Amino acid sequence: MHELGTVFYVIQEVEKVVEENHLTQVASVTLEVGEVSGIIPYYLTDCWQWAIQKSQYLKEAELKIETVPAVTFCEDCKQTYPTVKYAKICPHCKSEHTYLLSGNEYTIKEIEAC
């Protein structure tokens, strides 16, 4: 379960921002999580609830998760398509010369201080 490691990393990065900006409490953290990132949002939320209790600044912080759709680009026909529905084979030209444009990342999008 890499969700716990992800949560620890996010908390560490948020705490850096809090300290750099002389904040006292965080109300919420919004994460963008790629549709094919391998991160399970439910596990992420569970780990978050446990891990924030150990943080001076995040004890009451809500975790908001926004899903980033997985999009693949076809090098042959230069079109994009939804990865989850069609996988590696382009639905437009049937080519396998494709690569993932987005959907496997996670990003801290927003930190709301109170």
PDB file of N, CA and C in Angstrom:
ATOM      1  N   MET A   1       0.859  -1.184   0.000  1.00  0.00           N
ATOM      2  CA  MET A   1       0.000   0.000   0.000  1.00  0.00           C
ATOM      3  C   MET A   1       0.897   1.236   0.000  1.00  0.00           C
ATOM      4  N   HIS A   2       1.047   1.858  -1.139  1.00  0.00           N
ATOM      5  CA  HIS A   2       1.874   3.052  -1.237  1.00  0.00           C
ATOM      6  C   HIS A   2       1.116   4.323  -0.854  1.00  0.00           C
ATOM      7  N   GLU A   3      -0.169   4.203  -0.560  1.00  0.00           N
ATOM      8  CA  GLU A   3      -0.946   5.372  -0.154  1.00  0.00           C
ATOM      9  C   GLU A   3      -0.399   5.997   1.126  1.00  0.00           C
ATOM     10  N   LEU A   4       0.073   5.178   2.056  1.00  0.00           N
ATOM     11  CA  LEU A   4       0.617   5.722   3.303  1.00  0.00           C
ATOM     12  C   LEU A   4       1.867   6.556   3.021  1.00  0.00           C
ATOM     13  N   GLY A   5       2.742   6.063   2.179  1.00  0.00           N
ATOM     14  CA  GLY A   5       3.932   6.821   1.797  1.00  0.00           C
ATOM     15  C   GLY A   5       3.556   8.120   1.103  1.00  0.00           C
ATOM     16  N   THR A   6       2.545   8.052   0.255  1.00  0.00           N
ATOM     17  CA  THR A   6       2.060   9.251  -0.435  1.00  0.00           C
ATOM     18  C   THR A   6       1.553  10.272   0.571  1.00  0.00           C
ATOM     19  N   VAL A   7       0.777   9.825   1.534  1.00  0.00           N
ATOM     20  CA  VAL A   7       0.239  10.722   2.558  1.00  0.00           C
ATOM     21  C   VAL A   7       1.363  11.357   3.370  1.00  0.00           C
ATOM     22  N   PHE A   8       2.344  10.570   3.768  1.00  0.00           N
ATOM     23  CA  PHE A   8       3.468  11.138   4.526  1.00  0.00           C
ATOM     24  C   PHE A   8       4.198  12.197   3.712  1.00  0.00           C
ATOM     25  N   TYR A   9       4.390  11.935   2.431  1.00  0.00           N
ATOM     26  CA  TYR A   9       5.059  12.903   1.560  1.00  0.00           C
ATOM     27  C   TYR A   9       4.238  14.193   1.461  1.00  0.00           C
ATOM     28  N   VAL A  10       2.934  14.075   1.240  1.00  0.00           N
ATOM     29  CA  VAL A  10       2.061  15.251   1.123  1.00  0.00           C
ATOM     30  C   VAL A  10       2.082  16.055   2.421  1.00  0.00           C
ATOM     31  N   ILE A  11       1.975  15.381   3.547  1.00  0.00           N
ATOM     32  CA  ILE A  11       2.006  16.080   4.839  1.00  0.00           C
ATOM     33  C   ILE A  11       3.324  16.818   5.014  1.00  0.00           C
ATOM     34  N   GLN A  12       4.418  16.172   4.681  1.00  0.00           N
ATOM     35  CA  GLN A  12       5.735  16.799   4.799  1.00  0.00           C
ATOM     36  C   GLN A  12       5.818  18.060   3.928  1.00  0.00           C
ATOM     37  N   GLU A  13       5.346  17.982   2.702  1.00  0.00           N
ATOM     38  CA  GLU A  13       5.391  19.131   1.798  1.00  0.00           C
ATOM     39  C   GLU A  13       4.465  20.248   2.270  1.00  0.00           C
ATOM     40  N   VAL A  14       3.291  19.902   2.759  1.00  0.00           N
ATOM     41  CA  VAL A  14       2.353  20.909   3.269  1.00  0.00           C
ATOM     42  C   VAL A  14       2.939  21.594   4.500  1.00  0.00           C
ATOM     43  N   GLU A  15       3.542  20.824   5.379  1.00  0.00           N
ATOM     44  CA  GLU A  15       4.157  21.417   6.573  1.00  0.00           C
ATOM     45  C   GLU A  15       5.273  22.398   6.210  1.00  0.00           C
ATOM     46  N   LYS A  16       6.021  22.108   5.156  1.00  0.00           N
ATOM     47  CA  LYS A  16       7.055  23.048   4.691  1.00  0.00           C
ATOM     48  C   LYS A  16       6.421  24.376   4.276  1.00  0.00           C
ATOM     49  N   VAL A  17       5.327  24.285   3.529  1.00  0.00           N
ATOM     50  CA  VAL A  17       4.625  25.494   3.073  1.00  0.00           C
ATOM     51  C   VAL A  17       4.077  26.265   4.267  1.00  0.00           C
ATOM     52  N   VAL A  18       3.510  25.548   5.216  1.00  0.00           N
ATOM     53  CA  VAL A  18       2.961  26.175   6.426  1.00  0.00           C
ATOM     54  C   VAL A  18       4.056  26.943   7.162  1.00  0.00           C
ATOM     55  N   GLU A  19       5.186  26.313   7.359  1.00  0.00           N
ATOM     56  CA  GLU A  19       6.278  26.961   8.101  1.00  0.00           C
ATOM     57  C   GLU A  19       6.883  28.124   7.318  1.00  0.00           C
ATOM     58  N   GLU A  20       7.049  27.975   6.012  1.00  0.00           N
ATOM     59  CA  GLU A  20       7.603  29.057   5.189  1.00  0.00           C
ATOM     60  C   GLU A  20       6.712  30.290   5.187  1.00  0.00           C
ATOM     61  N   ASN A  21       5.412  30.082   5.325  1.00  0.00           N
ATOM     62  CA  ASN A  21       4.453  31.177   5.263  1.00  0.00           C
ATOM     63  C   ASN A  21       3.916  31.584   6.630  1.00  0.00           C
ATOM     64  N   HIS A  22       4.503  31.028   7.682  1.00  0.00           N
ATOM     65  CA  HIS A  22       4.145  31.368   9.063  1.00  0.00           C
ATOM     66  C   HIS A  22       2.646  31.200   9.343  1.00  0.00           C
ATOM     67  N   LEU A  23       2.102  30.078   8.884  1.00  0.00           N
ATOM     68  CA  LEU A  23       0.699  29.762   9.120  1.00  0.00           C
ATOM     69  C   LEU A  23       0.582  28.951  10.403  1.00  0.00           C
ATOM     70  N   THR A  24      -0.633  28.814  10.894  1.00  0.00           N
ATOM     71  CA  THR A  24      -0.817  28.067  12.137  1.00  0.00           C
ATOM     72  C   THR A  24      -1.634  26.785  11.972  1.00  0.00           C
ATOM     73  N   GLN A  25      -2.578  26.781  11.044  1.00  0.00           N
ATOM     74  CA  GLN A  25      -3.441  25.614  10.845  1.00  0.00           C
ATOM     75  C   GLN A  25      -3.812  25.486   9.385  1.00  0.00           C
ATOM     76  N   VAL A  26      -4.038  24.261   8.956  1.00  0.00           N
ATOM     77  CA  VAL A  26      -4.502  23.982   7.604  1.00  0.00           C
ATOM     78  C   VAL A  26      -5.928  23.452   7.694  1.00  0.00           C
ATOM     79  N   ALA A  27      -6.816  24.051   6.889  1.00  0.00           N
ATOM     80  CA  ALA A  27      -8.218  23.622   6.879  1.00  0.00           C
ATOM     81  C   ALA A  27      -8.435  22.463   5.903  1.00  0.00           C
ATOM     82  N   SER A  28      -7.754  22.536   4.749  1.00  0.00           N
ATOM     83  CA  SER A  28      -7.915  21.459   3.772  1.00  0.00           C
ATOM     84  C   SER A  28      -6.729  21.410   2.817  1.00  0.00           C
ATOM     85  N   VAL A  29      -6.566  20.247   2.238  1.00  0.00           N
ATOM     86  CA  VAL A  29      -5.554  20.023   1.210  1.00  0.00           C
ATOM     87  C   VAL A  29      -6.275  19.346   0.048  1.00  0.00           C
ATOM     88  N   THR A  30      -6.087  19.917  -1.152  1.00  0.00           N
ATOM     89  CA  THR A  30      -6.691  19.334  -2.345  1.00  0.00           C
ATOM     90  C   THR A  30      -5.601  18.666  -3.167  1.00  0.00           C
ATOM     91  N   LEU A  31      -5.807  17.388  -3.444  1.00  0.00           N
ATOM     92  CA  LEU A  31      -4.875  16.624  -4.272  1.00  0.00           C
ATOM     93  C   LEU A  31      -5.532  16.292  -5.605  1.00  0.00           C
ATOM     94  N   GLU A  32      -4.742  16.416  -6.662  1.00  0.00           N
ATOM     95  CA  GLU A  32      -5.159  15.912  -7.956  1.00  0.00           C
ATOM     96  C   GLU A  32      -4.508  14.539  -8.091  1.00  0.00           C
ATOM     97  N   VAL A  33      -5.329  13.532  -8.312  1.00  0.00           N
ATOM     98  CA  VAL A  33      -4.831  12.152  -8.396  1.00  0.00           C
ATOM     99  C   VAL A  33      -5.217  11.577  -9.754  1.00  0.00           C
ATOM    100  N   GLY A  34      -4.214  11.130 -10.477  1.00  0.00           N
ATOM    101  CA  GLY A  34      -4.437  10.560 -11.801  1.00  0.00           C
ATOM    102  C   GLY A  34      -5.265   9.294 -11.763  1.00  0.00           C
ATOM    103  N   GLU A  35      -6.096   9.169 -12.759  1.00  0.00           N
ATOM    104  CA  GLU A  35      -7.012   8.034 -12.875  1.00  0.00           C
ATOM    105  C   GLU A  35      -6.275   6.693 -12.938  1.00  0.00           C
ATOM    106  N   VAL A  36      -5.059   6.682 -13.496  1.00  0.00           N
ATOM    107  CA  VAL A  36      -4.287   5.446 -13.595  1.00  0.00           C
ATOM    108  C   VAL A  36      -2.989   5.529 -12.778  1.00  0.00           C
ATOM    109  N   SER A  37      -3.011   6.322 -11.729  1.00  0.00           N
ATOM    110  CA  SER A  37      -1.825   6.506 -10.888  1.00  0.00           C
ATOM    111  C   SER A  37      -1.547   5.302  -9.999  1.00  0.00           C
ATOM    112  N   GLY A  38      -2.543   4.456  -9.822  1.00  0.00           N
ATOM    113  CA  GLY A  38      -2.386   3.321  -8.917  1.00  0.00           C
ATOM    114  C   GLY A  38      -2.749   3.674  -7.477  1.00  0.00           C
ATOM    115  N   ILE A  39      -3.074   4.919  -7.240  1.00  0.00           N
ATOM    116  CA  ILE A  39      -3.471   5.357  -5.901  1.00  0.00           C
ATOM    117  C   ILE A  39      -4.968   5.136  -5.745  1.00  0.00           C
ATOM    118  N   ILE A  40      -5.340   4.481  -4.671  1.00  0.00           N
ATOM    119  CA  ILE A  40      -6.751   4.217  -4.391  1.00  0.00           C
ATOM    120  C   ILE A  40      -7.253   5.300  -3.437  1.00  0.00           C
ATOM    121  N   PRO A  41      -8.160   6.174  -3.924  1.00  0.00           N
ATOM    122  CA  PRO A  41      -8.614   7.296  -3.105  1.00  0.00           C
ATOM    123  C   PRO A  41      -9.127   6.906  -1.712  1.00  0.00           C
ATOM    124  N   TYR A  42      -9.855   5.808  -1.612  1.00  0.00           N
ATOM    125  CA  TYR A  42     -10.384   5.372  -0.314  1.00  0.00           C
ATOM    126  C   TYR A  42      -9.243   5.091   0.669  1.00  0.00           C
ATOM    127  N   TYR A  43      -8.202   4.408   0.196  1.00  0.00           N
ATOM    128  CA  TYR A  43      -7.045   4.121   1.059  1.00  0.00           C
ATOM    129  C   TYR A  43      -6.319   5.405   1.436  1.00  0.00           C
ATOM    130  N   LEU A  44      -6.230   6.306   0.475  1.00  0.00           N
ATOM    131  CA  LEU A  44      -5.574   7.592   0.720  1.00  0.00           C
ATOM    132  C   LEU A  44      -6.290   8.346   1.836  1.00  0.00           C
ATOM    133  N   THR A  45      -7.600   8.362   1.779  1.00  0.00           N
ATOM    134  CA  THR A  45      -8.405   9.048   2.795  1.00  0.00           C
ATOM    135  C   THR A  45      -8.240   8.394   4.164  1.00  0.00           C
ATOM    136  N   ASP A  46      -8.246   7.076   4.201  1.00  0.00           N
ATOM    137  CA  ASP A  46      -8.045   6.368   5.475  1.00  0.00           C
ATOM    138  C   ASP A  46      -6.677   6.680   6.075  1.00  0.00           C
ATOM    139  N   CYS A  47      -5.645   6.611   5.265  1.00  0.00           N
ATOM    140  CA  CYS A  47      -4.291   6.908   5.735  1.00  0.00           C
ATOM    141  C   CYS A  47      -4.190   8.354   6.208  1.00  0.00           C
ATOM    142  N   TRP A  48      -4.841   9.242   5.488  1.00  0.00           N
ATOM    143  CA  TRP A  48      -4.832  10.671   5.838  1.00  0.00           C
ATOM    144  C   TRP A  48      -5.389  10.880   7.245  1.00  0.00           C
ATOM    145  N   GLN A  49      -6.535  10.283   7.523  1.00  0.00           N
ATOM    146  CA  GLN A  49      -7.180  10.464   8.830  1.00  0.00           C
ATOM    147  C   GLN A  49      -6.275  10.016   9.971  1.00  0.00           C
ATOM    148  N   TRP A  50      -5.544   8.963   9.747  1.00  0.00           N
ATOM    149  CA  TRP A  50      -4.626   8.464  10.765  1.00  0.00           C
ATOM    150  C   TRP A  50      -3.388   9.357  10.866  1.00  0.00           C
ATOM    151  N   ALA A  51      -2.786   9.707   9.749  1.00  0.00           N
ATOM    152  CA  ALA A  51      -1.502  10.409   9.737  1.00  0.00           C
ATOM    153  C   ALA A  51      -1.593  11.858  10.202  1.00  0.00           C
ATOM    154  N   ILE A  52      -2.701  12.531   9.928  1.00  0.00           N
ATOM    155  CA  ILE A  52      -2.781  13.954  10.314  1.00  0.00           C
ATOM    156  C   ILE A  52      -2.818  14.143  11.827  1.00  0.00           C
ATOM    157  N   GLN A  53      -3.161  13.108  12.554  1.00  0.00           N
ATOM    158  CA  GLN A  53      -3.189  13.225  14.012  1.00  0.00           C
ATOM    159  C   GLN A  53      -1.794  13.432  14.586  1.00  0.00           C
ATOM    160  N   LYS A  54      -0.785  13.127  13.801  1.00  0.00           N
ATOM    161  CA  LYS A  54       0.595  13.286  14.250  1.00  0.00           C
ATOM    162  C   LYS A  54       1.191  14.630  13.814  1.00  0.00           C
ATOM    163  N   SER A  55       0.391  15.434  13.109  1.00  0.00           N
ATOM    164  CA  SER A  55       0.871  16.716  12.595  1.00  0.00           C
ATOM    165  C   SER A  55       0.373  17.878  13.447  1.00  0.00           C
ATOM    166  N   GLN A  56       1.247  18.783  13.720  1.00  0.00           N
ATOM    167  CA  GLN A  56       0.909  19.967  14.502  1.00  0.00           C
ATOM    168  C   GLN A  56      -0.065  20.880  13.757  1.00  0.00           C
ATOM    169  N   TYR A  57       0.015  20.910  12.428  1.00  0.00           N
ATOM    170  CA  TYR A  57      -0.748  21.873  11.638  1.00  0.00           C
ATOM    171  C   TYR A  57      -1.972  21.295  10.929  1.00  0.00           C
ATOM    172  N   LEU A  58      -2.080  19.991  10.858  1.00  0.00           N
ATOM    173  CA  LEU A  58      -3.115  19.378  10.019  1.00  0.00           C
ATOM    174  C   LEU A  58      -4.142  18.542  10.766  1.00  0.00           C
ATOM    175  N   LYS A  59      -4.196  18.635  12.061  1.00  0.00           N
ATOM    176  CA  LYS A  59      -5.064  17.751  12.855  1.00  0.00           C
ATOM    177  C   LYS A  59      -6.534  17.741  12.421  1.00  0.00           C
ATOM    178  N   GLU A  60      -7.027  18.852  11.927  1.00  0.00           N
ATOM    179  CA  GLU A  60      -8.431  18.944  11.503  1.00  0.00           C
ATOM    180  C   GLU A  60      -8.570  19.080   9.991  1.00  0.00           C
ATOM    181  N   ALA A  61      -7.484  18.951   9.250  1.00  0.00           N
ATOM    182  CA  ALA A  61      -7.505  19.221   7.810  1.00  0.00           C
ATOM    183  C   ALA A  61      -8.284  18.162   7.030  1.00  0.00           C
ATOM    184  N   GLU A  62      -9.100  18.639   6.127  1.00  0.00           N
ATOM    185  CA  GLU A  62      -9.856  17.770   5.236  1.00  0.00           C
ATOM    186  C   GLU A  62      -9.009  17.470   3.998  1.00  0.00           C
ATOM    187  N   LEU A  63      -9.062  16.250   3.532  1.00  0.00           N
ATOM    188  CA  LEU A  63      -8.392  15.879   2.289  1.00  0.00           C
ATOM    189  C   LEU A  63      -9.433  15.857   1.183  1.00  0.00           C
ATOM    190  N   LYS A  64      -9.202  16.677   0.163  1.00  0.00           N
ATOM    191  CA  LYS A  64     -10.088  16.710  -0.995  1.00  0.00           C
ATOM    192  C   LYS A  64      -9.324  16.080  -2.163  1.00  0.00           C
ATOM    193  N   ILE A  65      -9.984  15.195  -2.874  1.00  0.00           N
ATOM    194  CA  ILE A  65      -9.337  14.494  -3.979  1.00  0.00           C
ATOM    195  C   ILE A  65     -10.087  14.794  -5.275  1.00  0.00           C
ATOM    196  N   GLU A  66      -9.332  15.258  -6.269  1.00  0.00           N
ATOM    197  CA  GLU A  66      -9.882  15.488  -7.599  1.00  0.00           C
ATOM    198  C   GLU A  66      -9.197  14.506  -8.551  1.00  0.00           C
ATOM    199  N   THR A  67      -9.988  13.810  -9.341  1.00  0.00           N
ATOM    200  CA  THR A  67      -9.441  12.824 -10.261  1.00  0.00           C
ATOM    201  C   THR A  67      -9.030  13.487 -11.575  1.00  0.00           C
ATOM    202  N   VAL A  68      -7.803  13.193 -12.004  1.00  0.00           N
ATOM    203  CA  VAL A  68      -7.298  13.668 -13.295  1.00  0.00           C
ATOM    204  C   VAL A  68      -7.514  12.550 -14.302  1.00  0.00           C
ATOM    205  N   PRO A  69      -8.300  12.799 -15.339  1.00  0.00           N
ATOM    206  CA  PRO A  69      -8.561  11.744 -16.325  1.00  0.00           C
ATOM    207  C   PRO A  69      -7.278  11.290 -17.026  1.00  0.00           C
ATOM    208  N   ALA A  70      -7.219  10.004 -17.321  1.00  0.00           N
ATOM    209  CA  ALA A  70      -6.089   9.464 -18.069  1.00  0.00           C
ATOM    210  C   ALA A  70      -6.345   9.710 -19.559  1.00  0.00           C
ATOM    211  N   VAL A  71      -5.380  10.366 -20.194  1.00  0.00           N
ATOM    212  CA  VAL A  71      -5.490  10.697 -21.618  1.00  0.00           C
ATOM    213  C   VAL A  71      -4.238  10.193 -22.327  1.00  0.00           C
ATOM    214  N   THR A  72      -4.440   9.517 -23.436  1.00  0.00           N
ATOM    215  CA  THR A  72      -3.340   8.982 -24.238  1.00  0.00           C
ATOM    216  C   THR A  72      -3.281   9.711 -25.578  1.00  0.00           C
ATOM    217  N   PHE A  73      -2.054   9.888 -26.071  1.00  0.00           N
ATOM    218  CA  PHE A  73      -1.805  10.546 -27.355  1.00  0.00           C
ATOM    219  C   PHE A  73      -1.318   9.510 -28.363  1.00  0.00           C
ATOM    220  N   CYS A  74      -1.846   9.583 -29.577  1.00  0.00           N
ATOM    221  CA  CYS A  74      -1.423   8.689 -30.661  1.00  0.00           C
ATOM    222  C   CYS A  74      -0.421   9.435 -31.541  1.00  0.00           C
ATOM    223  N   GLU A  75       0.761   8.852 -31.674  1.00  0.00           N
ATOM    224  CA  GLU A  75       1.807   9.473 -32.487  1.00  0.00           C
ATOM    225  C   GLU A  75       1.504   9.392 -33.987  1.00  0.00           C
ATOM    226  N   ASP A  76       0.690   8.440 -34.396  1.00  0.00           N
ATOM    227  CA  ASP A  76       0.404   8.285 -35.819  1.00  0.00           C
ATOM    228  C   ASP A  76      -0.673   9.258 -36.311  1.00  0.00           C
ATOM    229  N   CYS A  77      -1.796   9.319 -35.626  1.00  0.00           N
ATOM    230  CA  CYS A  77      -2.886  10.201 -36.088  1.00  0.00           C
ATOM    231  C   CYS A  77      -2.968  11.523 -35.325  1.00  0.00           C
ATOM    232  N   LYS A  78      -2.112  11.661 -34.313  1.00  0.00           N
ATOM    233  CA  LYS A  78      -1.994  12.918 -33.540  1.00  0.00           C
ATOM    234  C   LYS A  78      -3.260  13.278 -32.763  1.00  0.00           C
ATOM    235  N   GLN A  79      -4.039  12.288 -32.394  1.00  0.00           N
ATOM    236  CA  GLN A  79      -5.255  12.532 -31.625  1.00  0.00           C
ATOM    237  C   GLN A  79      -5.092  11.982 -30.208  1.00  0.00           C
ATOM    238  N   THR A  80      -5.929  12.479 -29.320  1.00  0.00           N
ATOM    239  CA  THR A  80      -5.948  11.978 -27.941  1.00  0.00           C
ATOM    240  C   THR A  80      -7.229  11.181 -27.728  1.00  0.00           C
ATOM    241  N   TYR A  81      -7.189  10.345 -26.711  1.00  0.00           N
ATOM    242  CA  TYR A  81      -8.365   9.547 -26.383  1.00  0.00           C
ATOM    243  C   TYR A  81      -8.300   9.128 -24.913  1.00  0.00           C
ATOM    244  N   PRO A  82      -9.452   8.720 -24.323  1.00  0.00           N
ATOM    245  CA  PRO A  82      -9.484   8.284 -22.931  1.00  0.00           C
ATOM    246  C   PRO A  82      -8.781   6.934 -22.755  1.00  0.00           C
ATOM    247  N   THR A  83      -7.765   6.917 -21.949  1.00  0.00           N
ATOM    248  CA  THR A  83      -6.921   5.739 -21.756  1.00  0.00           C
ATOM    249  C   THR A  83      -7.677   4.558 -21.161  1.00  0.00           C
ATOM    250  N   VAL A  84      -8.463   4.806 -20.143  1.00  0.00           N
ATOM    251  CA  VAL A  84      -9.132   3.706 -19.438  1.00  0.00           C
ATOM    252  C   VAL A  84     -10.072   2.947 -20.386  1.00  0.00           C
ATOM    253  N   LYS A  85     -10.726   3.659 -21.261  1.00  0.00           N
ATOM    254  CA  LYS A  85     -11.678   3.011 -22.168  1.00  0.00           C
ATOM    255  C   LYS A  85     -10.978   2.223 -23.281  1.00  0.00           C
ATOM    256  N   TYR A  86      -9.873   2.769 -23.815  1.00  0.00           N
ATOM    257  CA  TYR A  86      -9.253   2.161 -24.994  1.00  0.00           C
ATOM    258  C   TYR A  86      -7.857   1.578 -24.775  1.00  0.00           C
ATOM    259  N   ALA A  87      -7.265   1.816 -23.625  1.00  0.00           N
ATOM    260  CA  ALA A  87      -5.921   1.304 -23.305  1.00  0.00           C
ATOM    261  C   ALA A  87      -4.881   1.830 -24.289  1.00  0.00           C
ATOM    262  N   LYS A  88      -4.019   0.968 -24.764  1.00  0.00           N
ATOM    263  CA  LYS A  88      -2.879   1.391 -25.583  1.00  0.00           C
ATOM    264  C   LYS A  88      -3.192   1.535 -27.072  1.00  0.00           C
ATOM    265  N   ILE A  89      -4.260   0.938 -27.529  1.00  0.00           N
ATOM    266  CA  ILE A  89      -4.571   0.969 -28.958  1.00  0.00           C
ATOM    267  C   ILE A  89      -5.505   2.134 -29.279  1.00  0.00           C
ATOM    268  N   CYS A  90      -5.050   2.985 -30.185  1.00  0.00           N
ATOM    269  CA  CYS A  90      -5.806   4.179 -30.566  1.00  0.00           C
ATOM    270  C   CYS A  90      -7.146   3.792 -31.198  1.00  0.00           C
ATOM    271  N   PRO A  91      -8.247   4.343 -30.692  1.00  0.00           N
ATOM    272  CA  PRO A  91      -9.558   4.016 -31.266  1.00  0.00           C
ATOM    273  C   PRO A  91      -9.786   4.694 -32.622  1.00  0.00           C
ATOM    274  N   HIS A  92      -8.962   5.686 -32.950  1.00  0.00           N
ATOM    275  CA  HIS A  92      -9.138   6.426 -34.200  1.00  0.00           C
ATOM    276  C   HIS A  92      -8.464   5.720 -35.385  1.00  0.00           C
ATOM    277  N   CYS A  93      -7.231   5.246 -35.187  1.00  0.00           N
ATOM    278  CA  CYS A  93      -6.482   4.656 -36.308  1.00  0.00           C
ATOM    279  C   CYS A  93      -5.943   3.250 -36.019  1.00  0.00           C
ATOM    280  N   LYS A  94      -6.209   2.741 -34.805  1.00  0.00           N
ATOM    281  CA  LYS A  94      -5.793   1.390 -34.381  1.00  0.00           C
ATOM    282  C   LYS A  94      -4.279   1.238 -34.185  1.00  0.00           C
ATOM    283  N   SER A  95      -3.578   2.329 -34.089  1.00  0.00           N
ATOM    284  CA  SER A  95      -2.137   2.295 -33.890  1.00  0.00           C
ATOM    285  C   SER A  95      -1.793   1.948 -32.440  1.00  0.00           C
ATOM    286  N   GLU A  96      -0.629   1.349 -32.261  1.00  0.00           N
ATOM    287  CA  GLU A  96      -0.104   1.090 -30.922  1.00  0.00           C
ATOM    288  C   GLU A  96       1.021   2.070 -30.583  1.00  0.00           C
ATOM    289  N   HIS A  97       1.273   3.029 -31.437  1.00  0.00           N
ATOM    290  CA  HIS A  97       2.305   4.050 -31.186  1.00  0.00           C
ATOM    291  C   HIS A  97       1.685   5.180 -30.366  1.00  0.00           C
ATOM    292  N   THR A  98       1.454   4.886 -29.114  1.00  0.00           N
ATOM    293  CA  THR A  98       0.765   5.821 -28.229  1.00  0.00           C
ATOM    294  C   THR A  98       1.547   5.996 -26.941  1.00  0.00           C
ATOM    295  N   TYR A  99       1.243   7.091 -26.242  1.00  0.00           N
ATOM    296  CA  TYR A  99       1.816   7.280 -24.907  1.00  0.00           C
ATOM    297  C   TYR A  99       0.862   8.082 -24.041  1.00  0.00           C
ATOM    298  N   LEU A 100       1.005   7.885 -22.768  1.00  0.00           N
ATOM    299  CA  LEU A 100       0.141   8.529 -21.782  1.00  0.00           C
ATOM    300  C   LEU A 100       0.522   9.993 -21.629  1.00  0.00           C
ATOM    301  N   LEU A 101      -0.443  10.880 -21.785  1.00  0.00           N
ATOM    302  CA  LEU A 101      -0.225  12.319 -21.589  1.00  0.00           C
ATOM    303  C   LEU A 101      -0.470  12.734 -20.144  1.00  0.00           C
ATOM    304  N   SER A 102      -1.544  12.226 -19.576  1.00  0.00           N
ATOM    305  CA  SER A 102      -1.888  12.577 -18.194  1.00  0.00           C
ATOM    306  C   SER A 102      -2.697  11.455 -17.573  1.00  0.00           C
ATOM    307  N   GLY A 103      -2.724  11.492 -16.241  1.00  0.00           N
ATOM    308  CA  GLY A 103      -3.535  10.508 -15.531  1.00  0.00           C
ATOM    309  C   GLY A 103      -2.766   9.580 -14.631  1.00  0.00           C
ATOM    310  N   ASN A 104      -1.421   9.690 -14.608  1.00  0.00           N
ATOM    311  CA  ASN A 104      -0.660   8.824 -13.704  1.00  0.00           C
ATOM    312  C   ASN A 104       0.045   9.623 -12.610  1.00  0.00           C
ATOM    313  N   GLU A 105      -0.282  10.882 -12.469  1.00  0.00           N
ATOM    314  CA  GLU A 105       0.389  11.754 -11.513  1.00  0.00           C
ATOM    315  C   GLU A 105      -0.470  12.011 -10.275  1.00  0.00           C
ATOM    316  N   TYR A 106       0.167  12.575  -9.269  1.00  0.00           N
ATOM    317  CA  TYR A 106      -0.587  13.179  -8.175  1.00  0.00           C
ATOM    318  C   TYR A 106       0.116  14.483  -7.831  1.00  0.00           C
ATOM    319  N   THR A 107      -0.699  15.500  -7.553  1.00  0.00           N
ATOM    320  CA  THR A 107      -0.185  16.844  -7.332  1.00  0.00           C
ATOM    321  C   THR A 107      -0.940  17.500  -6.193  1.00  0.00           C
ATOM    322  N   ILE A 108      -0.217  18.238  -5.382  1.00  0.00           N
ATOM    323  CA  ILE A 108      -0.890  19.060  -4.367  1.00  0.00           C
ATOM    324  C   ILE A 108      -1.391  20.290  -5.113  1.00  0.00           C
ATOM    325  N   LYS A 109      -2.680  20.399  -5.241  1.00  0.00           N
ATOM    326  CA  LYS A 109      -3.284  21.494  -6.007  1.00  0.00           C
ATOM    327  C   LYS A 109      -3.502  22.732  -5.151  1.00  0.00           C
ATOM    328  N   GLU A 110      -3.958  22.509  -3.912  1.00  0.00           N
ATOM    329  CA  GLU A 110      -4.357  23.656  -3.095  1.00  0.00           C
ATOM    330  C   GLU A 110      -4.216  23.330  -1.616  1.00  0.00           C
ATOM    331  N   ILE A 111      -3.768  24.327  -0.880  1.00  0.00           N
ATOM    332  CA  ILE A 111      -3.689  24.237   0.581  1.00  0.00           C
ATOM    333  C   ILE A 111      -4.508  25.397   1.116  1.00  0.00           C
ATOM    334  N   GLU A 112      -5.511  25.087   1.893  1.00  0.00           N
ATOM    335  CA  GLU A 112      -6.365  26.130   2.484  1.00  0.00           C
ATOM    336  C   GLU A 112      -6.004  26.268   3.957  1.00  0.00           C
ATOM    337  N   ALA A 113      -5.564  27.469   4.315  1.00  0.00           N
ATOM    338  CA  ALA A 113      -5.203  27.740   5.708  1.00  0.00           C
ATOM    339  C   ALA A 113      -6.396  28.368   6.416  1.00  0.00           C
ATOM    340  N   CYS A 114      -6.442  28.173   7.730  1.00  0.00           N
ATOM    341  CA  CYS A 114      -7.509  28.806   8.510  1.00  0.00           C
ATOM    342  C   CYS A 114      -6.909  29.644   9.613  1.00  0.00           C
TER     343      CYS A 114
END
